[in-house]
Amino acid sequence: MQDYKMLLELEENRRGNYFVSSRMEQYSFYYLLYKALCQKKDFCPDIIKFINNLETSEDIKQILKNYIHDFPKGFDASDFDADNEKRLYRYFCSFRMHQVRRYNEMYSTTKMCRLAAKLLDTKESDKVADFYGAPENFLKIVYQSNEDAPSFRTKPVCYTAHETFRDFLILINDVFYSEDKQIDIYSNDVFSESKSKKFDKIYACIPVFQNSSREETRRFLQNVIRSEDKSFEYVSNVLEHLAPGGRAVVCISDSLFTNKTNELRKYICDSGCFKGLIRFPIGEIYPNNLSSSLLIFDKTASSDSFVFLDLCDVKPRAFRGSVIDEFGSENIISMFDSKKSVKQDGVVHKVISYKELKENDFDFDTKKPFNPVEFLLNYKPESKPQEFITLGENATISRGVQDIESIRGFQTENPAAPFYFLSVSDIQEGSIQFETMTRLSDKKSNWDKFLLKAGDVIITKTAYPAIKVAIYEGPNDQVIPASNLYVIRMNYGDSGQLNPYYLKLYLESELGQGYLKSVISGTKLPAISKENLENLKLPFMTENDQKEMEETYRDTIETIKKHKETIKNLRHYLGTVISNYM
């Protein structure tokens, strides 16, 4: 009876409907049992016949038959050599979930694989491997020789589809394992399934990996190397093994847009087959605080330009939703194939010529257009568009109090307490909410330097899930900010040219947000460094223009408040309508 339950569970696992990681050793036992049965050549020259002769229920017989469903025709126990044993072993084991994987990682990576499959125009016979089940056709797994390597259920895998033609290669790595346990995509072994070592289609997804197996840590996100560190060799090796007329899709972390990858961008553009890229926001693939991009290569045609489809600013309607789910793979590909440059609803589609790219020093980030001032709201042509000012030269930037234990000691419920503690959650809709702030009964004497003053601009240090900006409008010397908030205090007088309201509007504008997102760093918690904030350049505005912006801001905020009050009164009225009829 126990065997029957285990086999049923194994069948559910094969379908991807159910999985118990603690039972993996038992699953592997059933594999070994099955292998031993198959090797009884004298008793069972034919596997199907052998299964039919088993003294067990028809349900279990059907389950076992399912496991040999996509084996080559004519396969039987007499053909059970080392190669077939390896394939059988992988078939039993490749549709496992990693014990350490989270559901969102599995789900997001699978969606990216399916989008890549459509971009590659894959056929039913060469489906992309799905983490929830074995691919319909597969050939090999990369084994590790060292004794301390992870067990089969957590090994990285290398699939080749089309057992006859072997023209489609899929490389998928596991971010939870260090470099020495990753797929070595530079070895001949990975590409040996094709005699020419060329493939018509390649999908490669190795966005990040751990730094060192000798320093493994559960907090692995602190110990990862972004793909920029090996991206040049990575992409060049994929293209080297792409057959003439072939296609490749490479998933890479957003490090593609940093200074370290300038040579990679040059190489991509000089390849002669770069069709374009699709850039996704933070959270589309796991780890969910990394951005990602798909690079699309096509050797069927050459062009003097490429497509940049930027989806970074798309905000899915569902909580922690996916851009791929929001649009669907077909619509994303349709947008990518469009010939027109568009910019709407967070979607940016640009066709960039290689000539234009070289003039821009191989920087194809849509967040850094050639004429940035044209994106400023209410920008006036007479405001000297060629001149810029640097934030660090016009303001002082500091962080809030880090002594959280003392803050907790001063917390009180007394509504008359003299001080407030400002945290990230107290900034809502671009404003500071006094009613939600924690009250403090006292403060330390050395906290005086942290007290906010009217005109201070507050910006969150961490960039996930969003960058928040607010202006503190008083009263002075009552509010103490948290350490994960930057306080920007303007240099007034001859040394300052910056109005805090202009700064706030700029930081919340498309151009300001583009800069902030481009300088985000860190893997555990994406954040903006003080240095990058100080290096922010703003288009020069006259004092009168900045004052007009301040007045526009204040008038708009007052209008918003009035509308909110009107909405509140109308909702109250709706609650009393029924009483008029009672």
Protein backbone atom coordinates (compact mmCIF):
# COMPACT_ATOMS: atom_id res chain seq x y z
CA MET A 1 0.00 0.00 0.00
CA GLN A 2 2.84 2.38 0.86
CA ASP A 3 4.50 1.66 -2.48
CA TYR A 4 1.26 2.44 -4.26
CA LYS A 5 0.92 5.83 -2.51
CA MET A 6 4.51 6.69 -3.28
CA LEU A 7 4.14 5.88 -6.94
CA LEU A 8 0.98 7.97 -7.13
CA GLU A 9 2.86 10.82 -5.51
CA LEU A 10 5.70 10.32 -7.95
CA GLU A 11 3.23 10.53 -10.82
CA GLU A 12 1.82 13.79 -9.45
CA ASN A 13 5.36 15.09 -9.25
CA ARG A 14 5.96 14.10 -12.85
CA ARG A 15 2.93 16.13 -13.90
CA GLY A 16 4.09 19.08 -11.84
CA ASN A 17 0.95 19.12 -9.69
CA TYR A 18 2.40 18.04 -6.39
CA PHE A 19 5.76 17.77 -4.76
CA VAL A 20 7.20 16.94 -1.35
CA SER A 21 10.89 17.77 -1.24
CA SER A 22 11.46 15.64 1.85
CA ARG A 23 10.52 12.57 -0.19
CA MET A 24 13.24 13.05 -2.81
CA GLU A 25 15.34 10.23 -1.41
CA GLN A 26 12.33 7.93 -1.69
CA TYR A 27 11.74 9.10 -5.23
CA SER A 28 15.33 8.26 -6.08
CA PHE A 29 14.86 4.85 -4.45
CA TYR A 30 12.03 4.13 -6.87
CA TYR A 31 14.25 5.13 -9.72
CA LEU A 32 16.94 2.71 -8.56
CA LEU A 33 14.33 -0.01 -8.11
CA TYR A 34 12.99 0.62 -11.59
CA LYS A 35 16.50 0.58 -13.08
CA ALA A 36 17.23 -2.73 -11.38
CA LEU A 37 14.03 -4.22 -12.77
CA CYS A 38 14.90 -3.02 -16.27
CA GLN A 39 18.32 -4.63 -16.08
CA LYS A 40 16.86 -8.11 -15.58
CA LYS A 41 17.40 -8.94 -19.23
CA ASP A 42 16.71 -12.64 -18.89
CA PHE A 43 13.37 -11.95 -17.28
CA CYS A 44 12.35 -8.90 -19.26
CA PRO A 45 13.63 -8.34 -22.80
CA ASP A 46 10.87 -5.79 -23.34
CA ILE A 47 10.06 -3.05 -20.81
CA ILE A 48 6.38 -2.74 -21.72
CA LYS A 49 5.98 -6.50 -21.51
CA PHE A 50 7.80 -6.48 -18.20
CA ILE A 51 5.48 -3.81 -16.79
CA ASN A 52 2.44 -5.74 -17.94
CA ASN A 53 3.75 -8.83 -16.11
CA LEU A 54 4.23 -7.03 -12.80
CA GLU A 55 2.04 -8.26 -9.94
CA THR A 56 0.57 -4.86 -9.17
CA SER A 57 -2.44 -2.74 -9.98
CA GLU A 58 -3.20 -1.35 -13.41
CA ASP A 59 -2.77 2.17 -11.99
CA ILE A 60 0.85 1.53 -11.08
CA LYS A 61 1.46 -0.15 -14.44
CA GLN A 62 0.15 2.94 -16.21
CA ILE A 63 2.35 5.19 -14.09
CA LEU A 64 5.44 3.20 -15.03
CA LYS A 65 4.45 3.28 -18.69
CA ASN A 66 4.19 7.06 -18.51
CA TYR A 67 7.82 7.20 -17.45
CA ILE A 68 9.00 5.61 -20.67
CA HIS A 69 6.52 7.42 -22.89
CA ASP A 70 9.03 9.62 -24.70
CA PHE A 71 11.89 7.15 -24.87
CA PRO A 72 13.12 6.23 -28.37
CA LYS A 73 11.02 3.71 -30.20
CA GLY A 74 12.23 0.17 -29.79
CA PHE A 75 13.97 0.88 -26.52
CA ASP A 76 14.11 -2.16 -24.27
CA ALA A 77 16.24 -3.60 -21.52
CA SER A 78 18.76 -5.04 -23.95
CA ASP A 79 19.62 -1.47 -24.97
CA PHE A 80 20.26 -0.42 -21.40
CA ASP A 81 23.81 0.89 -21.81
CA ALA A 82 25.48 3.71 -19.90
CA ASP A 83 24.04 6.44 -22.11
CA ASN A 84 20.47 5.24 -21.78
CA GLU A 85 20.91 4.76 -18.06
CA LYS A 86 21.98 8.38 -17.78
CA ARG A 87 18.94 9.48 -19.74
CA LEU A 88 16.60 7.37 -17.67
CA TYR A 89 18.16 8.70 -14.50
CA ARG A 90 17.72 12.26 -15.65
CA TYR A 91 14.16 11.66 -16.71
CA PHE A 92 13.29 10.55 -13.21
CA CYS A 93 15.15 13.41 -11.60
CA SER A 94 15.04 16.46 -13.84
CA PHE A 95 11.45 17.39 -13.04
CA ARG A 96 12.21 17.99 -9.40
CA MET A 97 11.85 21.29 -7.59
CA HIS A 98 14.86 22.53 -5.69
CA GLN A 99 14.27 22.32 -1.98
CA VAL A 100 15.63 25.85 -1.58
CA ARG A 101 13.73 27.40 -4.47
CA ARG A 102 10.81 29.64 -3.79
CA TYR A 103 7.64 29.44 -5.80
CA ASN A 104 8.03 32.91 -7.32
CA GLU A 105 11.48 32.04 -8.64
CA MET A 106 10.21 28.92 -10.35
CA TYR A 107 7.20 30.72 -11.77
CA SER A 108 9.01 33.82 -13.01
CA THR A 109 11.88 31.92 -14.61
CA THR A 110 9.45 29.65 -16.43
CA LYS A 111 7.55 32.64 -17.84
CA MET A 112 10.79 34.16 -19.11
CA CYS A 113 11.67 30.81 -20.72
CA ARG A 114 8.34 30.69 -22.52
CA LEU A 115 8.71 34.24 -23.83
CA ALA A 116 12.19 33.34 -25.08
CA ALA A 117 10.76 30.24 -26.77
CA LYS A 118 8.35 32.41 -28.76
CA LEU A 119 11.12 34.84 -29.68
CA LEU A 120 13.13 31.87 -30.96
CA ASP A 121 10.11 30.59 -32.91
CA THR A 122 10.42 27.17 -31.33
CA LYS A 123 8.32 24.28 -32.55
CA GLU A 124 6.44 21.68 -30.55
CA SER A 125 9.33 19.30 -31.05
CA ASP A 126 11.82 21.60 -29.34
CA LYS A 127 9.94 23.01 -26.38
CA VAL A 128 11.82 24.93 -23.74
CA ALA A 129 12.49 22.95 -20.57
CA ASP A 130 9.97 23.66 -17.83
CA PHE A 131 11.08 23.48 -14.20
CA TYR A 132 7.78 21.81 -13.34
CA GLY A 133 8.32 18.88 -15.65
CA ALA A 134 10.90 17.25 -17.82
CA PRO A 135 11.12 18.63 -21.37
CA GLU A 136 9.56 16.43 -24.02
CA ASN A 137 12.99 15.72 -25.46
CA PHE A 138 16.27 15.88 -23.62
CA LEU A 139 19.67 14.34 -23.83
CA LYS A 140 22.04 15.07 -21.04
CA ILE A 141 22.79 16.53 -17.64
CA VAL A 142 26.07 18.11 -16.67
CA TYR A 143 27.57 16.06 -13.86
CA GLN A 144 29.97 17.45 -11.30
CA SER A 145 33.04 15.39 -10.43
CA ASN A 146 33.85 16.77 -6.98
CA GLU A 147 32.52 14.82 -4.03
CA ASP A 148 30.94 17.78 -2.27
CA ALA A 149 28.82 18.76 -5.28
CA PRO A 150 25.08 19.14 -4.67
CA SER A 151 22.85 16.14 -5.23
CA PHE A 152 21.05 15.54 -8.50
CA ARG A 153 17.97 17.47 -7.49
CA THR A 154 19.90 20.72 -7.18
CA LYS A 155 22.37 20.43 -10.02
CA PRO A 156 22.32 22.95 -12.85
CA VAL A 157 21.06 21.39 -16.04
CA CYS A 158 21.90 21.66 -19.69
CA TYR A 159 19.22 20.48 -22.10
CA THR A 160 19.46 19.87 -25.80
CA ALA A 161 16.24 19.22 -27.65
CA HIS A 162 15.63 17.42 -30.94
CA GLU A 163 17.29 14.11 -30.19
CA THR A 164 17.78 13.52 -33.90
CA PHE A 165 18.95 16.93 -35.09
CA ARG A 166 20.21 18.31 -31.78
CA ASP A 167 19.88 21.88 -32.94
CA PHE A 168 18.40 23.60 -29.89
CA LEU A 169 20.45 24.27 -26.75
CA ILE A 170 19.05 25.51 -23.44
CA LEU A 171 21.33 26.67 -20.63
CA ILE A 172 19.81 27.36 -17.23
CA ASN A 173 21.78 27.94 -14.05
CA ASP A 174 20.84 28.12 -10.39
CA VAL A 175 21.65 31.35 -8.56
CA PHE A 176 21.83 29.46 -5.27
CA TYR A 177 25.08 27.76 -6.19
CA SER A 178 28.58 29.12 -6.50
CA GLU A 179 30.57 29.57 -9.68
CA ASP A 180 32.33 26.20 -9.43
CA LYS A 181 28.93 24.48 -9.33
CA GLN A 182 27.43 26.38 -12.24
CA ILE A 183 27.25 25.17 -15.81
CA ASP A 184 30.61 25.81 -17.41
CA ILE A 185 29.38 27.21 -20.69
CA TYR A 186 32.94 27.56 -21.92
CA SER A 187 33.59 23.81 -21.97
CA ASN A 188 33.26 21.69 -25.08
CA ASP A 189 31.12 19.22 -23.14
CA VAL A 190 28.13 21.55 -23.16
CA PHE A 191 28.24 21.96 -26.93
CA SER A 192 29.29 18.40 -27.81
CA GLU A 193 25.78 17.23 -28.68
CA SER A 194 26.12 18.87 -32.08
CA LYS A 195 28.93 17.48 -34.25
CA SER A 196 29.65 20.94 -35.60
CA LYS A 197 29.22 22.44 -32.11
CA LYS A 198 26.76 24.85 -33.72
CA PHE A 199 23.10 25.21 -32.83
CA ASP A 200 20.22 26.78 -34.74
CA LYS A 201 18.61 28.02 -31.52
CA ILE A 202 20.11 28.85 -28.14
CA TYR A 203 18.40 30.14 -25.03
CA ALA A 204 20.81 30.99 -22.22
CA CYS A 205 19.78 32.30 -18.83
CA ILE A 206 22.51 32.72 -16.24
CA PRO A 207 21.80 36.11 -14.67
CA VAL A 208 23.75 35.82 -11.41
CA PHE A 209 25.72 33.30 -9.37
CA GLN A 210 27.27 33.06 -5.93
CA ASN A 211 30.76 34.27 -5.30
CA SER A 212 32.35 31.29 -3.56
CA SER A 213 31.25 27.84 -2.48
CA ARG A 214 33.71 28.02 0.43
CA GLU A 215 31.86 30.98 1.87
CA GLU A 216 28.31 29.84 1.33
CA THR A 217 25.71 31.73 3.28
CA ARG A 218 21.97 31.50 3.63
CA ARG A 219 21.82 35.19 2.90
CA PHE A 220 23.06 34.41 -0.58
CA LEU A 221 21.98 37.73 -2.09
CA GLN A 222 24.87 39.40 -0.27
CA ASN A 223 27.27 37.03 -2.00
CA VAL A 224 26.38 37.17 -5.68
CA ILE A 225 28.28 38.31 -8.71
CA ARG A 226 26.21 40.13 -11.28
CA SER A 227 26.47 38.83 -14.81
CA GLU A 228 28.56 41.85 -15.82
CA ASP A 229 31.60 40.08 -14.40
CA LYS A 230 31.49 37.34 -17.02
CA SER A 231 28.96 38.71 -19.47
CA PHE A 232 31.46 39.34 -22.28
CA GLU A 233 32.73 35.73 -22.37
CA TYR A 234 29.20 34.50 -21.77
CA VAL A 235 27.61 36.28 -24.74
CA SER A 236 30.59 35.74 -27.05
CA ASN A 237 30.58 32.00 -26.34
CA VAL A 238 26.88 31.73 -27.12
CA LEU A 239 27.31 33.59 -30.42
CA GLU A 240 30.35 31.49 -31.30
CA HIS A 241 28.19 28.35 -31.17
CA LEU A 242 25.23 29.89 -33.00
CA ALA A 243 24.92 28.39 -36.47
CA PRO A 244 24.63 30.57 -39.61
CA GLY A 245 20.99 31.56 -39.90
CA GLY A 246 20.45 30.74 -36.23
CA ARG A 247 18.76 32.64 -33.42
CA ALA A 248 19.73 33.17 -29.79
CA VAL A 249 18.08 34.76 -26.76
CA VAL A 250 20.29 35.62 -23.80
CA CYS A 251 18.86 36.60 -20.41
CA ILE A 252 21.25 38.90 -18.59
CA SER A 253 20.97 41.03 -15.45
CA ASP A 254 20.57 44.77 -15.84
CA SER A 255 24.30 45.24 -15.43
CA LEU A 256 24.24 45.58 -19.21
CA PHE A 257 23.74 49.31 -18.63
CA THR A 258 26.75 49.97 -16.38
CA ASN A 259 30.13 51.41 -17.32
CA LYS A 260 31.74 47.99 -16.74
CA THR A 261 29.94 46.54 -19.75
CA ASN A 262 30.85 49.16 -22.34
CA GLU A 263 33.03 46.61 -24.19
CA LEU A 264 30.15 44.13 -24.18
CA ARG A 265 27.83 46.70 -25.77
CA LYS A 266 30.43 47.35 -28.46
CA TYR A 267 30.81 43.61 -29.08
CA ILE A 268 27.04 43.13 -29.31
CA CYS A 269 26.70 45.90 -31.86
CA ASP A 270 29.68 44.67 -33.89
CA SER A 271 28.30 41.12 -34.01
CA GLY A 272 26.20 41.96 -37.06
CA CYS A 273 23.26 39.91 -35.79
CA PHE A 274 21.98 41.93 -32.81
CA LYS A 275 18.24 42.35 -33.39
CA GLY A 276 17.45 44.17 -30.15
CA LEU A 277 16.67 43.85 -26.48
CA ILE A 278 13.70 43.80 -24.13
CA ARG A 279 14.33 45.35 -20.73
CA PHE A 280 12.22 44.30 -17.74
CA PRO A 281 11.67 46.01 -14.37
CA ILE A 282 12.95 44.84 -11.01
CA GLY A 283 11.14 41.70 -9.89
CA GLU A 284 10.37 40.08 -13.24
CA ILE A 285 12.76 37.23 -12.51
CA TYR A 286 14.09 35.96 -9.21
CA PRO A 287 15.97 37.26 -7.22
CA ASN A 288 13.17 39.81 -7.24
CA ASN A 289 15.43 42.79 -6.59
CA LEU A 290 17.34 42.40 -9.85
CA SER A 291 16.38 43.80 -13.20
CA SER A 292 16.80 41.72 -16.34
CA SER A 293 17.02 42.05 -20.09
CA LEU A 294 16.59 39.66 -22.99
CA LEU A 295 19.15 40.11 -25.78
CA ILE A 296 17.86 38.85 -29.14
CA PHE A 297 20.29 37.77 -31.86
CA ASP A 298 19.28 36.71 -35.37
CA LYS A 299 21.78 35.58 -38.01
CA THR A 300 19.13 35.37 -40.73
CA ALA A 301 19.40 39.07 -41.58
CA SER A 302 21.67 42.05 -40.97
CA SER A 303 20.59 45.59 -40.18
CA ASP A 304 22.02 49.04 -39.48
CA SER A 305 19.82 49.46 -36.38
CA PHE A 306 18.31 47.53 -33.49
CA VAL A 307 15.15 47.68 -31.37
CA PHE A 308 15.08 48.72 -27.71
CA LEU A 309 11.81 47.79 -25.99
CA ASP A 310 11.97 49.20 -22.45
CA LEU A 311 9.28 47.95 -20.04
CA CYS A 312 11.02 49.17 -16.87
CA ASP A 313 8.36 51.74 -16.00
CA VAL A 314 5.37 49.46 -16.57
CA LYS A 315 3.46 49.01 -13.32
CA PRO A 316 1.43 45.77 -13.34
CA ARG A 317 -2.05 46.11 -11.90
CA ALA A 318 -1.69 43.04 -9.71
CA PHE A 319 0.34 43.21 -6.49
CA ARG A 320 3.85 41.99 -7.32
CA GLY A 321 2.51 41.27 -10.77
CA SER A 322 4.51 40.32 -13.83
CA VAL A 323 4.96 42.43 -16.95
CA ILE A 324 4.81 39.25 -19.02
CA ASP A 325 1.44 38.43 -17.45
CA GLU A 326 0.28 42.03 -17.86
CA PHE A 327 0.86 42.17 -21.62
CA GLY A 328 1.20 38.53 -22.63
CA SER A 329 4.08 37.10 -24.64
CA GLU A 330 2.40 37.67 -28.00
CA ASN A 331 1.79 41.37 -27.32
CA ILE A 332 5.35 41.88 -26.08
CA ILE A 333 6.72 40.32 -29.26
CA SER A 334 4.30 42.41 -31.34
CA MET A 335 5.56 45.58 -29.62
CA PHE A 336 9.15 44.47 -30.17
CA ASP A 337 8.56 43.86 -33.89
CA SER A 338 6.87 47.25 -34.37
CA LYS A 339 8.68 49.66 -36.70
CA LYS A 340 7.50 52.81 -34.90
CA SER A 341 9.13 54.47 -31.90
CA VAL A 342 6.54 54.94 -29.15
CA LYS A 343 6.54 56.23 -25.60
CA GLN A 344 3.36 55.71 -23.60
CA ASP A 345 1.99 53.97 -20.49
CA GLY A 346 5.48 53.16 -19.23
CA VAL A 347 6.46 51.48 -22.53
CA VAL A 348 9.37 52.89 -24.52
CA HIS A 349 10.03 51.51 -28.00
CA LYS A 350 13.02 52.97 -29.84
CA VAL A 351 14.73 52.00 -33.06
CA ILE A 352 18.38 52.96 -32.58
CA SER A 353 20.89 53.15 -35.42
CA TYR A 354 24.42 51.92 -34.86
CA LYS A 355 25.70 55.29 -36.08
CA GLU A 356 23.63 57.07 -33.45
CA LEU A 357 24.83 54.62 -30.83
CA LYS A 358 28.52 55.20 -31.57
CA GLU A 359 27.99 58.95 -31.34
CA ASN A 360 26.49 58.36 -27.91
CA ASP A 361 29.46 56.25 -26.73
CA PHE A 362 27.49 52.98 -27.02
CA ASP A 363 24.97 54.07 -24.38
CA PHE A 364 21.56 52.78 -25.49
CA ASP A 365 19.71 53.37 -22.23
CA THR A 366 16.35 54.97 -22.97
CA LYS A 367 16.57 56.77 -19.64
CA LYS A 368 19.46 58.89 -21.00
CA PRO A 369 18.13 60.59 -24.13
CA PHE A 370 20.34 62.90 -26.18
CA ASN A 371 18.44 66.07 -25.21
CA PRO A 372 17.34 65.47 -21.61
CA VAL A 373 15.89 68.92 -20.86
CA GLU A 374 13.01 68.42 -23.30
CA PHE A 375 11.49 65.95 -20.85
CA LEU A 376 11.16 68.54 -18.09
CA LEU A 377 7.61 69.62 -17.34
CA ASN A 378 6.95 73.33 -17.97
CA TYR A 379 10.48 73.85 -19.22
CA LYS A 380 10.95 77.29 -20.83
CA PRO A 381 13.35 77.68 -23.79
CA GLU A 382 14.84 80.89 -22.40
CA SER A 383 16.17 79.03 -19.35
CA LYS A 384 19.63 78.26 -20.75
CA PRO A 385 19.15 74.59 -21.79
CA GLN A 386 22.91 74.00 -22.16
CA GLU A 387 23.72 74.67 -18.49
CA PHE A 388 23.47 72.19 -15.64
CA ILE A 389 23.99 72.40 -11.90
CA THR A 390 25.16 69.60 -9.60
CA LEU A 391 23.11 68.73 -6.54
CA GLY A 392 26.16 68.19 -4.30
CA GLU A 393 27.39 71.72 -5.03
CA ASN A 394 24.05 73.29 -4.12
CA ALA A 395 22.88 71.23 -1.16
CA THR A 396 24.11 69.18 1.80
CA ILE A 397 23.01 65.54 1.95
CA SER A 398 22.86 63.55 5.20
CA ARG A 399 21.12 60.48 6.63
CA GLY A 400 18.85 60.14 9.64
CA VAL A 401 19.40 58.61 13.06
CA GLN A 402 20.74 55.03 13.16
CA ASP A 403 20.32 54.52 16.93
CA ILE A 404 17.10 52.53 16.65
CA GLU A 405 17.31 51.17 20.21
CA SER A 406 17.24 54.68 21.67
CA ILE A 407 14.37 55.61 19.36
CA ARG A 408 12.35 52.70 20.74
CA GLY A 409 13.18 53.79 24.27
CA PHE A 410 11.71 57.25 23.65
CA GLN A 411 8.51 56.03 21.95
CA THR A 412 5.30 57.16 23.65
CA GLU A 413 1.56 57.24 23.10
CA ASN A 414 1.34 60.75 24.53
CA PRO A 415 -0.15 62.99 21.77
CA ALA A 416 1.54 66.01 23.36
CA ALA A 417 5.06 64.55 23.15
CA PRO A 418 7.51 67.13 21.73
CA PHE A 419 9.19 65.09 18.99
CA TYR A 420 8.27 62.90 16.00
CA PHE A 421 10.09 60.01 14.33
CA LEU A 422 9.80 59.97 10.52
CA SER A 423 10.01 56.58 8.76
CA VAL A 424 9.60 55.57 5.12
CA SER A 425 6.00 54.46 5.69
CA ASP A 426 5.10 57.99 6.85
CA ILE A 427 5.71 59.33 3.33
CA GLN A 428 2.57 58.79 1.30
CA GLU A 429 1.60 60.28 -2.07
CA GLY A 430 4.59 62.60 -1.99
CA SER A 431 3.73 64.13 1.40
CA ILE A 432 4.77 63.61 5.02
CA GLN A 433 1.90 62.29 7.15
CA PHE A 434 2.17 63.64 10.68
CA GLU A 435 -0.78 61.57 11.86
CA THR A 436 1.07 58.29 11.24
CA MET A 437 4.45 59.28 12.72
CA THR A 438 5.68 57.83 16.02
CA ARG A 439 5.80 60.31 18.93
CA LEU A 440 8.97 60.59 21.02
CA SER A 441 9.09 61.80 24.61
CA ASP A 442 12.69 63.01 24.36
CA LYS A 443 15.85 62.87 22.25
CA LYS A 444 19.57 62.56 22.74
CA SER A 445 21.59 65.77 22.77
CA ASN A 446 23.65 64.70 19.78
CA TRP A 447 20.51 64.31 17.66
CA ASP A 448 20.11 68.07 17.19
CA LYS A 449 21.93 67.86 13.86
CA PHE A 450 19.28 65.44 12.57
CA LEU A 451 16.24 67.64 13.31
CA LEU A 452 14.39 68.61 10.13
CA LYS A 453 13.94 72.20 9.02
CA ALA A 454 11.37 73.66 6.65
CA GLY A 455 12.51 73.27 3.06
CA ASP A 456 14.38 69.99 3.58
CA VAL A 457 13.80 67.48 0.77
CA ILE A 458 13.43 63.88 1.96
CA ILE A 459 14.21 60.93 -0.33
CA THR A 460 14.27 57.23 0.53
CA LYS A 461 17.66 55.52 0.44
CA THR A 462 16.26 52.14 -0.61
CA ALA A 463 14.72 51.90 -4.06
CA TYR A 464 12.40 48.93 -3.52
CA PRO A 465 9.48 48.89 -3.98
CA ALA A 466 9.60 52.59 -4.98
CA ILE A 467 11.63 55.78 -4.55
CA LYS A 468 9.73 58.25 -2.36
CA VAL A 469 10.31 62.02 -2.31
CA ALA A 470 8.75 64.63 -0.01
CA ILE A 471 9.31 68.19 1.21
CA TYR A 472 9.29 68.95 4.92
CA GLU A 473 7.39 72.21 5.41
CA GLY A 474 7.78 72.62 9.17
CA PRO A 475 7.68 73.17 12.05
CA ASN A 476 11.42 73.29 12.65
CA ASP A 477 13.35 71.10 15.11
CA GLN A 478 10.61 68.60 15.95
CA VAL A 479 11.06 65.70 13.52
CA ILE A 480 13.88 63.12 13.59
CA PRO A 481 14.27 61.11 10.34
CA ALA A 482 15.14 57.40 10.12
CA SER A 483 18.52 56.21 8.84
CA ASN A 484 17.05 54.92 5.57
CA LEU A 485 16.09 58.46 4.57
CA TYR A 486 18.33 61.05 2.95
CA VAL A 487 17.84 64.67 4.03
CA ILE A 488 18.76 67.21 1.32
CA ARG A 489 19.18 70.72 2.72
CA MET A 490 19.63 73.54 0.22
CA ASN A 491 22.61 75.91 0.36
CA TYR A 492 20.89 79.26 0.43
CA GLY A 493 22.60 82.54 -0.47
CA ASP A 494 25.37 83.04 -3.02
CA SER A 495 26.43 79.37 -2.93
CA GLY A 496 22.97 77.99 -3.72
CA GLN A 497 20.95 78.02 -6.95
CA LEU A 498 18.36 75.42 -6.04
CA ASN A 499 14.75 75.75 -4.90
CA PRO A 500 13.58 72.65 -2.94
CA TYR A 501 10.29 72.53 -4.86
CA TYR A 502 12.13 72.48 -8.19
CA LEU A 503 14.31 69.65 -6.84
CA LYS A 504 11.26 67.65 -5.73
CA LEU A 505 9.51 68.10 -9.08
CA TYR A 506 12.69 67.10 -10.89
CA LEU A 507 13.26 63.97 -8.77
CA GLU A 508 9.66 62.88 -9.44
CA SER A 509 9.86 63.67 -13.16
CA GLU A 510 10.58 61.12 -15.86
CA LEU A 511 14.14 62.32 -16.26
CA GLY A 512 14.87 62.39 -12.51
CA GLN A 513 13.41 58.92 -11.99
CA GLY A 514 15.43 57.67 -14.95
CA TYR A 515 18.66 58.88 -13.38
CA LEU A 516 17.83 57.45 -9.95
CA LYS A 517 16.97 54.04 -11.42
CA SER A 518 20.17 54.02 -13.46
CA VAL A 519 22.36 54.41 -10.33
CA ILE A 520 20.58 51.89 -8.12
CA SER A 521 23.06 49.37 -6.72
CA GLY A 522 23.02 46.43 -4.33
CA THR A 523 21.45 42.99 -4.54
CA LYS A 524 19.84 42.41 -1.15
CA LEU A 525 18.23 45.84 -0.96
CA PRO A 526 18.58 48.01 -4.07
CA ALA A 527 19.66 51.46 -2.89
CA ILE A 528 20.93 54.84 -4.02
CA SER A 529 24.33 55.90 -2.68
CA LYS A 530 25.00 59.35 -1.27
CA GLU A 531 27.74 59.86 -3.86
CA ASN A 532 25.39 59.18 -6.78
CA LEU A 533 22.82 61.52 -5.27
CA GLU A 534 25.43 64.26 -4.95
CA ASN A 535 26.43 63.74 -8.60
CA LEU A 536 22.87 64.31 -9.84
CA LYS A 537 22.84 67.06 -12.49
CA LEU A 538 19.79 69.27 -12.98
CA PRO A 539 19.15 71.64 -15.90
CA PHE A 540 19.80 75.22 -14.83
CA MET A 541 16.62 77.19 -14.15
CA THR A 542 16.41 80.88 -13.39
CA GLU A 543 15.29 81.89 -9.91
CA ASN A 544 12.00 83.18 -11.31
CA ASP A 545 11.32 79.91 -13.14
CA GLN A 546 11.98 77.92 -9.98
CA LYS A 547 9.70 80.22 -8.00
CA GLU A 548 6.94 79.69 -10.56
CA MET A 549 7.38 75.93 -10.16
CA GLU A 550 7.04 76.30 -6.39
CA GLU A 551 3.80 78.27 -6.78
CA THR A 552 2.48 75.71 -9.26
CA TYR A 553 3.31 72.92 -6.80
CA ARG A 554 1.59 74.66 -3.86
CA ASP A 555 -1.51 75.52 -5.90
CA THR A 556 -1.78 71.95 -7.20
CA ILE A 557 -1.44 70.47 -3.70
CA GLU A 558 -4.21 72.77 -2.44
CA THR A 559 -6.43 71.68 -5.32
CA ILE A 560 -5.76 68.02 -4.49
CA LYS A 561 -6.68 68.63 -0.83
CA LYS A 562 -9.94 70.32 -1.81
CA HIS A 563 -10.85 67.46 -4.14
CA LYS A 564 -10.08 64.93 -1.40
CA GLU A 565 -12.32 66.80 1.01
CA THR A 566 -15.07 66.95 -1.61
CA ILE A 567 -14.77 63.20 -2.23
CA LYS A 568 -14.90 62.57 1.52
CA ASN A 569 -18.08 64.65 1.88
CA LEU A 570 -19.70 62.94 -1.11
CA ARG A 571 -18.96 59.49 0.33
CA HIS A 572 -20.48 60.60 3.62
CA TYR A 573 -23.54 61.85 1.75
CA LEU A 574 -23.98 58.50 0.00
CA GLY A 575 -24.01 56.87 3.43
CA THR A 576 -26.99 59.00 4.48
CA VAL A 577 -29.12 58.75 1.32
CA ILE A 578 -31.11 55.77 2.53
CA SER A 579 -32.17 57.60 5.70
CA ASN A 580 -34.15 60.05 3.55
CA TYR A 581 -36.42 57.20 2.49
CA MET A 582 -36.95 55.58 5.87
